[in-house]
Amino acid sequence: MTAEGFLEGRRLQLARGVLLQCIMGGYPPSRFYGSDDGDLALVADPKQIHRLPWSQLPRALAICDADELTGESSRLSTRGQLKAVVARYAALGLAPVVATELEFFVFAPNPDPTQPFQPPLGLDGRREDGQSAFSISSNNGLRPFFSEVYECMAALGLPRDTFMHEMGVSQFEINLLHGDPLLLADQTFLFKHLLKEVALKHGLTVVCMAKPLAHTPGSSMHIHQSVVEAGSGRNVFSDEAGEPTATFRHFIGGQQACLADFTALFAPNVNSYQRLCHPFASPNNACWSHDNRSAGLRIPASSPVARRVENRLPGADANPYLAIAASLAAGLYGIEHRLEPSAAIQGEFEVPDNLSLPCTLHAALERLKRSHLAKELFGTEFIEGYIASKTLELTSFFDEITPWERRVLAAQA
């Protein structure tokens, strides 16, 4: 839209079905978004209008709510779903606080998708081979790229905590500062968009797939969660003596009760399960632990004021609005129903059957389809529409024969 039209307050409308568009571009049957496929209004959040610093021509981006023309939030909007969850906390005098850790890979251009991703050429003319985890070396030649990333983050008002080279080949992680859930979802979305745009300027490719490389750790989007009193800001997970509270236990209990039903919301793609089913500290369980990275729910070592629950299930490919909404809704469900968690696990452990999670997209969608709880918390319209869109994507995946099948199975009798 032109700047003039935006400043005049011209309303931008969008067909409802676009909110259920699948990643290949198609749509589920119209019954999932209204047979008329009527319009929604895109209403810009005045706090999330940004001049794009990487654009040579003057351009701006506005994060919008998708609202029905009658004014209420569309139930198909993931941003709207997150706002509704936060409002349910507010009705109890509580406010959730979250932070996200996002991992991503920086690769050389990959014009042929049948070929594996490769790291960029380093300053010594070689490609990184996986020996740079937590390194401060500049040999990978990415310093100019990251310098512009930092500059663009500052221009967009995205505060950052730490940046590091992660375990994977040309894999990196950023920790965003904790705060309001909607703000953190907006910031996570903006950061992923920023990464890809700046990478293109530098002749690079940023990939936020959950598992872009075989035999290499995948990329997560861990969500750190605490809950405070709306007025005082006191962390309700700790009592006056600094000990864990019943609310803290109930929050964990709710997470455990919901993670299996909600797995398809945290792990939305076929590739998501490549990350979850390989033993690189991947949290394919609903166990909880004090500072054990093999547990799906980890309690990081911290002071009582910073006591929090880390949900390690979401991958970098998750929708930040939906993943944060689902995780907070699970915790609130536990608080409201006073659910008690299982015993904490430590060290090496075997996952009990009742705390295991679906390990394929098909299994996760079937679990979500049977979940009365998901429909109760997010509405039947949203859950059925989400499943319909993801089923299209899964069907498209099964329409292709993979190189592994041709390589291994073709010679079989």
Protein backbone atom coordinates (compact mmCIF):
# COMPACT_ATOMS: atom_id res chain seq x y z
CA MET A 1 0.00 0.00 0.00
CA THR A 2 1.23 3.53 -0.63
CA ALA A 3 2.39 5.60 2.32
CA GLU A 4 -0.32 8.14 1.47
CA GLY A 5 -3.04 5.52 1.59
CA PHE A 6 -1.77 4.14 4.88
CA LEU A 7 -1.55 7.58 6.50
CA GLU A 8 -5.05 8.43 5.31
CA GLY A 9 -6.31 5.42 7.24
CA ARG A 10 -7.45 3.51 4.16
CA ARG A 11 -8.63 0.08 5.25
CA LEU A 12 -6.72 -2.91 3.93
CA GLN A 13 -8.83 -6.04 3.53
CA LEU A 14 -7.84 -9.65 3.02
CA ALA A 15 -9.78 -12.79 2.15
CA ARG A 16 -10.33 -15.01 5.24
CA GLY A 17 -8.96 -18.05 3.44
CA VAL A 18 -5.46 -16.53 3.25
CA LEU A 19 -5.02 -17.27 6.96
CA LEU A 20 -5.25 -20.98 6.13
CA GLN A 21 -3.07 -20.91 3.03
CA CYS A 22 -0.64 -23.83 3.14
CA ILE A 23 3.10 -23.43 2.56
CA MET A 24 2.87 -24.63 -1.07
CA GLY A 25 0.29 -21.92 -1.83
CA GLY A 26 -2.94 -23.94 -1.91
CA TYR A 27 -5.99 -23.81 0.31
CA PRO A 28 -8.16 -26.35 2.14
CA PRO A 29 -11.87 -26.55 1.21
CA SER A 30 -13.73 -23.29 1.77
CA ARG A 31 -15.89 -24.78 4.53
CA PHE A 32 -12.91 -24.30 6.85
CA TYR A 33 -12.87 -20.52 6.43
CA GLY A 34 -16.42 -19.72 5.33
CA SER A 35 -17.90 -20.64 1.99
CA ASP A 36 -18.22 -16.99 1.02
CA ASP A 37 -14.49 -16.40 1.72
CA GLY A 38 -15.39 -12.94 2.90
CA ASP A 39 -12.92 -10.22 3.85
CA LEU A 40 -11.05 -9.55 7.05
CA ALA A 41 -9.69 -6.13 8.00
CA LEU A 42 -5.93 -5.82 8.57
CA VAL A 43 -5.57 -3.36 11.45
CA ALA A 44 -2.04 -2.09 11.99
CA ASP A 45 -0.66 -2.17 15.52
CA PRO A 46 0.57 1.43 16.00
CA LYS A 47 3.49 0.16 18.11
CA GLN A 48 4.66 -2.18 15.36
CA ILE A 49 5.15 0.08 12.33
CA HIS A 50 8.77 0.00 11.20
CA ARG A 51 10.87 1.65 8.53
CA LEU A 52 12.88 -1.15 6.94
CA PRO A 53 16.56 -0.22 7.32
CA TRP A 54 17.84 -2.79 4.80
CA SER A 55 15.66 -1.50 1.97
CA GLN A 56 17.31 0.82 -0.55
CA LEU A 57 13.95 2.37 -1.45
CA PRO A 58 11.98 3.87 1.45
CA ARG A 59 9.70 1.09 2.68
CA ALA A 60 7.89 0.29 5.92
CA LEU A 61 6.32 -2.78 7.47
CA ALA A 62 3.29 -2.79 9.75
CA ILE A 63 2.33 -5.81 11.84
CA CYS A 64 -1.43 -6.11 11.72
CA ASP A 65 -4.25 -7.85 13.54
CA ALA A 66 -6.67 -9.77 11.33
CA ASP A 67 -10.13 -8.69 12.49
CA GLU A 68 -13.60 -9.56 11.30
CA LEU A 69 -15.39 -6.64 9.67
CA THR A 70 -17.62 -6.55 12.74
CA GLY A 71 -14.55 -5.64 14.83
CA GLU A 72 -13.75 -8.78 16.78
CA SER A 73 -10.51 -10.69 16.26
CA SER A 74 -10.62 -13.48 13.70
CA ARG A 75 -10.40 -16.90 15.34
CA LEU A 76 -8.13 -17.95 12.47
CA SER A 77 -5.50 -15.35 13.43
CA THR A 78 -2.55 -16.73 15.42
CA ARG A 79 -1.76 -13.24 16.72
CA GLY A 80 -5.36 -12.98 17.84
CA GLN A 81 -5.10 -16.36 19.56
CA LEU A 82 -2.06 -15.16 21.54
CA LYS A 83 -3.84 -11.95 22.58
CA ALA A 84 -6.80 -14.04 23.81
CA VAL A 85 -4.54 -16.26 25.95
CA VAL A 86 -2.85 -13.20 27.52
CA ALA A 87 -6.31 -11.74 28.24
CA ARG A 88 -7.28 -14.93 30.10
CA TYR A 89 -4.25 -14.46 32.36
CA ALA A 90 -5.17 -10.80 32.88
CA ALA A 91 -8.67 -11.81 34.03
CA LEU A 92 -6.95 -13.64 36.91
CA GLY A 93 -4.73 -10.66 37.77
CA LEU A 94 -1.71 -12.36 36.19
CA ALA A 95 0.68 -11.49 33.37
CA PRO A 96 2.87 -14.05 31.59
CA VAL A 97 6.46 -13.14 30.74
CA VAL A 98 8.35 -14.93 27.98
CA ALA A 99 11.65 -14.93 26.15
CA THR A 100 12.58 -16.80 22.99
CA GLU A 101 15.87 -18.38 21.93
CA LEU A 102 16.03 -18.73 18.17
CA GLU A 103 18.57 -20.91 16.34
CA PHE A 104 19.22 -20.64 12.60
CA PHE A 105 21.71 -21.63 9.91
CA VAL A 106 23.59 -19.34 7.52
CA PHE A 107 24.36 -21.07 4.23
CA ALA A 108 25.75 -20.33 0.80
CA PRO A 109 23.06 -19.89 -1.90
CA ASN A 110 21.30 -23.15 -2.72
CA PRO A 111 19.67 -22.82 -6.17
CA ASP A 112 19.22 -26.60 -6.54
CA PRO A 113 17.04 -27.95 -3.68
CA THR A 114 18.07 -31.52 -4.52
CA GLN A 115 21.56 -30.70 -3.25
CA PRO A 116 22.45 -30.37 0.47
CA PHE A 117 22.99 -26.97 2.04
CA GLN A 118 26.60 -25.84 2.39
CA PRO A 119 28.16 -23.25 4.70
CA PRO A 120 29.58 -20.13 3.03
CA LEU A 121 33.20 -19.97 1.96
CA GLY A 122 35.34 -18.69 4.81
CA LEU A 123 38.08 -16.10 4.60
CA ASP A 124 40.59 -18.91 4.08
CA GLY A 125 38.66 -20.22 1.08
CA ARG A 126 37.31 -23.23 2.96
CA ARG A 127 33.88 -24.09 4.26
CA GLU A 128 33.25 -24.58 7.97
CA ASP A 129 33.27 -28.26 8.95
CA GLY A 130 31.53 -28.17 12.31
CA GLN A 131 34.44 -27.37 14.61
CA SER A 132 33.40 -23.80 15.38
CA ALA A 133 30.80 -24.30 18.11
CA PHE A 134 30.89 -21.36 20.56
CA SER A 135 33.88 -19.95 18.66
CA ILE A 136 34.63 -16.21 18.46
CA SER A 137 36.62 -16.63 15.24
CA SER A 138 35.89 -14.42 12.22
CA ASN A 139 37.15 -17.01 9.76
CA ASN A 140 33.67 -17.81 8.46
CA GLY A 141 33.60 -14.39 6.79
CA LEU A 142 30.17 -13.52 8.24
CA ARG A 143 31.24 -10.49 10.27
CA PRO A 144 29.88 -7.95 7.69
CA PHE A 145 26.56 -9.83 7.61
CA PHE A 146 26.19 -9.89 11.38
CA SER A 147 27.26 -6.24 11.67
CA GLU A 148 24.33 -5.24 9.47
CA VAL A 149 22.02 -7.60 11.39
CA TYR A 150 22.95 -5.79 14.62
CA GLU A 151 22.43 -2.38 13.00
CA CYS A 152 19.03 -3.37 11.64
CA MET A 153 17.97 -4.80 14.99
CA ALA A 154 18.81 -1.50 16.65
CA ALA A 155 16.89 0.42 13.97
CA LEU A 156 13.81 -1.78 14.53
CA GLY A 157 14.06 -1.51 18.31
CA LEU A 158 14.86 -5.20 18.79
CA PRO A 159 16.92 -5.56 21.99
CA ARG A 160 19.22 -8.58 22.02
CA ASP A 161 20.76 -10.42 24.90
CA THR A 162 23.38 -12.85 23.55
CA PHE A 163 24.46 -14.06 20.11
CA MET A 164 26.58 -17.18 19.68
CA HIS A 165 27.75 -19.82 17.26
CA GLU A 166 25.78 -22.96 18.04
CA MET A 167 26.65 -26.67 17.75
CA GLY A 168 25.72 -27.12 14.08
CA VAL A 169 27.73 -26.29 10.97
CA SER A 170 27.28 -22.54 10.41
CA GLN A 171 24.51 -22.52 13.02
CA PHE A 172 23.87 -19.53 15.30
CA GLU A 173 21.56 -18.56 18.16
CA ILE A 174 20.12 -15.33 19.48
CA ASN A 175 18.47 -14.83 22.86
CA LEU A 176 15.85 -12.09 22.89
CA LEU A 177 15.21 -10.23 26.15
CA HIS A 178 12.19 -11.37 28.18
CA GLY A 179 9.00 -9.37 28.20
CA ASP A 180 5.35 -9.24 27.16
CA PRO A 181 4.38 -12.34 25.11
CA LEU A 182 2.82 -10.41 22.22
CA LEU A 183 5.84 -8.13 22.01
CA LEU A 184 8.24 -11.11 22.01
CA ALA A 185 6.23 -12.87 19.29
CA ASP A 186 6.34 -9.69 17.19
CA GLN A 187 10.08 -9.35 17.80
CA THR A 188 10.75 -12.98 16.91
CA PHE A 189 8.77 -12.62 13.69
CA LEU A 190 10.57 -9.38 12.79
CA PHE A 191 13.97 -10.88 13.56
CA LYS A 192 13.40 -13.89 11.28
CA HIS A 193 12.23 -11.56 8.48
CA LEU A 194 15.24 -9.29 9.06
CA LEU A 195 17.67 -12.22 8.94
CA LYS A 196 16.48 -13.44 5.57
CA GLU A 197 16.39 -9.98 4.00
CA VAL A 198 19.88 -8.97 5.18
CA ALA A 199 21.25 -12.36 4.14
CA LEU A 200 20.04 -11.80 0.58
CA LYS A 201 21.95 -8.50 0.46
CA HIS A 202 25.12 -10.35 1.43
CA GLY A 203 24.70 -13.24 -1.00
CA LEU A 204 23.77 -15.66 1.77
CA THR A 205 20.81 -17.86 2.67
CA VAL A 206 19.38 -17.99 6.19
CA VAL A 207 17.43 -21.17 6.92
CA CYS A 208 15.06 -21.58 9.87
CA MET A 209 14.13 -25.19 9.12
CA ALA A 210 14.06 -27.39 12.19
CA LYS A 211 16.59 -29.82 10.66
CA PRO A 212 18.29 -28.60 7.45
CA LEU A 213 21.37 -30.87 7.72
CA ALA A 214 21.64 -34.59 8.45
CA HIS A 215 23.91 -35.73 11.30
CA THR A 216 23.83 -32.21 12.74
CA PRO A 217 21.82 -30.69 15.60
CA GLY A 218 18.58 -29.03 14.53
CA SER A 219 17.35 -25.51 15.25
CA SER A 220 15.00 -24.77 18.13
CA MET A 221 12.92 -21.88 19.36
CA HIS A 222 12.94 -22.51 23.09
CA ILE A 223 10.34 -20.52 25.02
CA HIS A 224 11.16 -19.35 28.57
CA GLN A 225 8.02 -18.66 30.60
CA SER A 226 7.20 -17.16 33.97
CA VAL A 227 4.07 -15.57 35.41
CA VAL A 228 3.91 -12.41 37.51
CA GLU A 229 1.24 -10.53 39.43
CA ALA A 230 -0.17 -7.89 37.09
CA GLY A 231 0.22 -5.08 39.62
CA SER A 232 3.36 -5.80 41.60
CA GLY A 233 5.34 -7.76 39.01
CA ARG A 234 6.12 -10.44 41.62
CA ASN A 235 7.03 -13.80 40.12
CA VAL A 236 4.25 -16.14 41.32
CA PHE A 237 6.50 -19.17 40.72
CA SER A 238 8.46 -18.30 43.92
CA ASP A 239 7.20 -17.64 47.44
CA GLU A 240 8.58 -15.11 49.94
CA ALA A 241 11.18 -17.62 51.08
CA GLY A 242 12.33 -18.15 47.50
CA GLU A 243 10.87 -21.63 47.26
CA PRO A 244 8.75 -22.98 44.36
CA THR A 245 5.01 -22.36 44.73
CA ALA A 246 1.97 -24.50 44.00
CA THR A 247 1.32 -22.23 40.99
CA PHE A 248 4.73 -23.19 39.64
CA ARG A 249 3.90 -26.89 39.97
CA HIS A 250 0.47 -26.43 38.41
CA PHE A 251 1.97 -24.56 35.45
CA ILE A 252 4.32 -27.49 34.79
CA GLY A 253 1.43 -29.92 35.25
CA GLY A 254 -0.56 -28.08 32.59
CA GLN A 255 2.37 -28.17 30.18
CA GLN A 256 2.69 -31.91 30.69
CA ALA A 257 -1.04 -32.45 30.20
CA CYS A 258 -1.10 -30.54 26.89
CA LEU A 259 2.23 -31.03 25.10
CA ALA A 260 1.25 -34.24 23.31
CA ASP A 261 -2.06 -32.79 22.12
CA PHE A 262 -0.34 -29.56 21.02
CA THR A 263 2.75 -31.09 19.36
CA ALA A 264 1.53 -30.19 15.86
CA LEU A 265 1.30 -26.54 16.96
CA PHE A 266 4.93 -26.54 18.15
CA ALA A 267 6.29 -28.78 15.37
CA PRO A 268 4.26 -27.76 12.30
CA ASN A 269 6.19 -29.33 9.42
CA VAL A 270 7.34 -32.74 8.21
CA ASN A 271 10.93 -31.64 8.81
CA SER A 272 10.16 -30.68 12.42
CA TYR A 273 10.20 -34.34 13.40
CA GLN A 274 13.65 -34.90 11.93
CA ARG A 275 14.86 -32.67 14.76
CA LEU A 276 12.72 -34.31 17.44
CA CYS A 277 13.66 -37.89 16.63
CA HIS A 278 17.45 -37.55 16.76
CA PRO A 279 19.49 -37.61 19.99
CA PHE A 280 21.03 -34.14 19.95
CA ALA A 281 19.36 -32.94 23.19
CA SER A 282 16.08 -32.87 21.28
CA PRO A 283 13.14 -32.67 23.66
CA ASN A 284 10.76 -35.32 22.29
CA ASN A 285 9.09 -35.82 25.67
CA ALA A 286 6.95 -34.04 28.26
CA CYS A 287 9.26 -34.82 31.19
CA TRP A 288 10.48 -31.96 33.38
CA SER A 289 13.79 -31.51 35.09
CA HIS A 290 16.03 -29.07 36.88
CA ASP A 291 18.62 -28.05 34.28
CA ASN A 292 18.56 -31.24 32.18
CA ARG A 293 18.56 -30.46 28.46
CA SER A 294 17.14 -33.88 27.57
CA ALA A 295 13.81 -32.96 29.18
CA GLY A 296 11.11 -31.25 27.14
CA LEU A 297 10.46 -28.95 30.09
CA ARG A 298 13.63 -27.63 31.69
CA ILE A 299 13.91 -25.44 34.78
CA PRO A 300 17.08 -23.40 34.19
CA ALA A 301 19.34 -22.64 37.15
CA SER A 302 18.30 -19.17 38.32
CA SER A 303 17.49 -16.99 41.29
CA PRO A 304 13.95 -17.26 42.75
CA VAL A 305 12.92 -13.98 41.11
CA ALA A 306 13.83 -15.43 37.70
CA ARG A 307 12.30 -18.90 38.23
CA ARG A 308 10.86 -20.00 34.90
CA VAL A 309 9.88 -22.98 32.76
CA GLU A 310 11.67 -23.53 29.46
CA ASN A 311 9.60 -25.29 26.79
CA ARG A 312 12.21 -26.95 24.55
CA LEU A 313 9.77 -28.54 22.10
CA PRO A 314 9.24 -25.76 19.50
CA GLY A 315 11.60 -25.66 16.53
CA ALA A 316 12.85 -22.59 14.68
CA ASP A 317 10.17 -23.32 12.08
CA ALA A 318 7.31 -22.78 14.55
CA ASN A 319 4.95 -19.81 14.24
CA PRO A 320 6.04 -17.69 17.25
CA TYR A 321 2.52 -16.41 17.92
CA LEU A 322 0.99 -19.87 17.90
CA ALA A 323 3.82 -21.59 19.78
CA ILE A 324 3.80 -19.00 22.58
CA ALA A 325 -0.01 -19.04 22.72
CA ALA A 326 -0.12 -22.84 22.95
CA SER A 327 2.58 -23.02 25.63
CA LEU A 328 1.00 -20.31 27.80
CA ALA A 329 -2.48 -21.78 27.33
CA ALA A 330 -1.15 -25.13 28.55
CA GLY A 331 0.35 -23.54 31.66
CA LEU A 332 -2.82 -21.60 32.42
CA TYR A 333 -4.88 -24.78 32.04
CA GLY A 334 -2.71 -26.36 34.71
CA ILE A 335 -3.07 -23.36 37.03
CA GLU A 336 -6.85 -23.25 36.64
CA HIS A 337 -7.26 -26.99 37.21
CA ARG A 338 -4.51 -27.28 39.86
CA LEU A 339 -2.76 -30.05 37.95
CA GLU A 340 0.20 -31.70 39.63
CA PRO A 341 3.24 -32.62 37.54
CA SER A 342 5.05 -35.94 37.53
CA ALA A 343 8.23 -36.31 39.57
CA ALA A 344 11.19 -34.39 38.16
CA ILE A 345 13.76 -36.48 36.31
CA GLN A 346 17.54 -36.09 36.40
CA GLY A 347 20.47 -37.71 34.59
CA GLU A 348 19.84 -40.50 32.09
CA PHE A 349 16.18 -41.44 31.94
CA GLU A 350 13.62 -43.41 29.98
CA VAL A 351 10.49 -41.56 28.90
CA PRO A 352 7.29 -43.03 30.37
CA ASP A 353 4.61 -43.83 27.81
CA ASN A 354 2.28 -41.19 29.22
CA LEU A 355 4.94 -38.48 28.68
CA SER A 356 5.99 -39.45 25.15
CA LEU A 357 5.08 -37.22 22.21
CA PRO A 358 4.01 -37.90 18.61
CA CYS A 359 7.09 -38.44 16.46
CA THR A 360 5.65 -37.72 12.98
CA LEU A 361 3.48 -34.94 11.59
CA HIS A 362 0.80 -37.49 10.74
CA ALA A 363 0.69 -38.78 14.32
CA ALA A 364 0.70 -35.23 15.72
CA LEU A 365 -2.21 -34.17 13.51
CA GLU A 366 -4.18 -37.28 14.47
CA ARG A 367 -3.58 -36.47 18.15
CA LEU A 368 -4.66 -32.85 17.60
CA LYS A 369 -7.74 -34.02 15.71
CA ARG A 370 -8.87 -36.08 18.72
CA SER A 371 -8.10 -33.31 21.24
CA HIS A 372 -11.19 -31.84 22.88
CA LEU A 373 -8.83 -29.71 24.97
CA ALA A 374 -7.28 -28.01 21.93
CA LYS A 375 -10.73 -27.14 20.58
CA GLU A 376 -11.77 -25.85 23.99
CA LEU A 377 -8.76 -23.56 24.29
CA PHE A 378 -8.39 -22.38 20.68
CA GLY A 379 -11.82 -22.95 19.18
CA THR A 380 -13.06 -25.63 16.79
CA GLU A 381 -12.80 -23.29 13.79
CA PHE A 382 -9.08 -22.67 14.31
CA ILE A 383 -8.09 -26.26 15.13
CA GLU A 384 -10.04 -27.82 12.26
CA GLY A 385 -8.74 -25.20 9.81
CA TYR A 386 -5.16 -25.69 10.99
CA ILE A 387 -5.42 -29.46 10.59
CA ALA A 388 -6.92 -29.08 7.11
CA SER A 389 -4.06 -26.84 5.97
CA LYS A 390 -1.36 -29.05 7.47
CA THR A 391 -2.97 -32.16 5.97
CA LEU A 392 -2.58 -30.58 2.52
CA GLU A 393 1.12 -30.08 3.22
CA LEU A 394 1.56 -33.63 4.45
CA THR A 395 -0.22 -35.00 1.37
CA SER A 396 2.06 -32.94 -0.87
CA PHE A 397 5.11 -34.41 0.90
CA PHE A 398 3.85 -37.95 0.34
CA ASP A 399 3.34 -37.16 -3.35
CA GLU A 400 7.15 -37.10 -3.80
CA ILE A 401 9.64 -39.97 -3.76
CA THR A 402 12.77 -39.10 -1.82
CA PRO A 403 16.39 -39.76 -2.88
CA TRP A 404 16.72 -42.21 0.04
CA GLU A 405 13.90 -44.35 -1.36
CA ARG A 406 15.47 -44.42 -4.84
CA ARG A 407 18.95 -45.09 -3.46
CA VAL A 408 18.09 -47.81 -0.95
CA LEU A 409 14.88 -49.46 -2.14
CA ALA A 410 15.21 -49.58 -5.93
CA ALA A 411 17.45 -52.65 -5.87
CA GLN A 412 15.28 -54.58 -3.43
CA ALA A 413 13.45 -57.67 -4.64
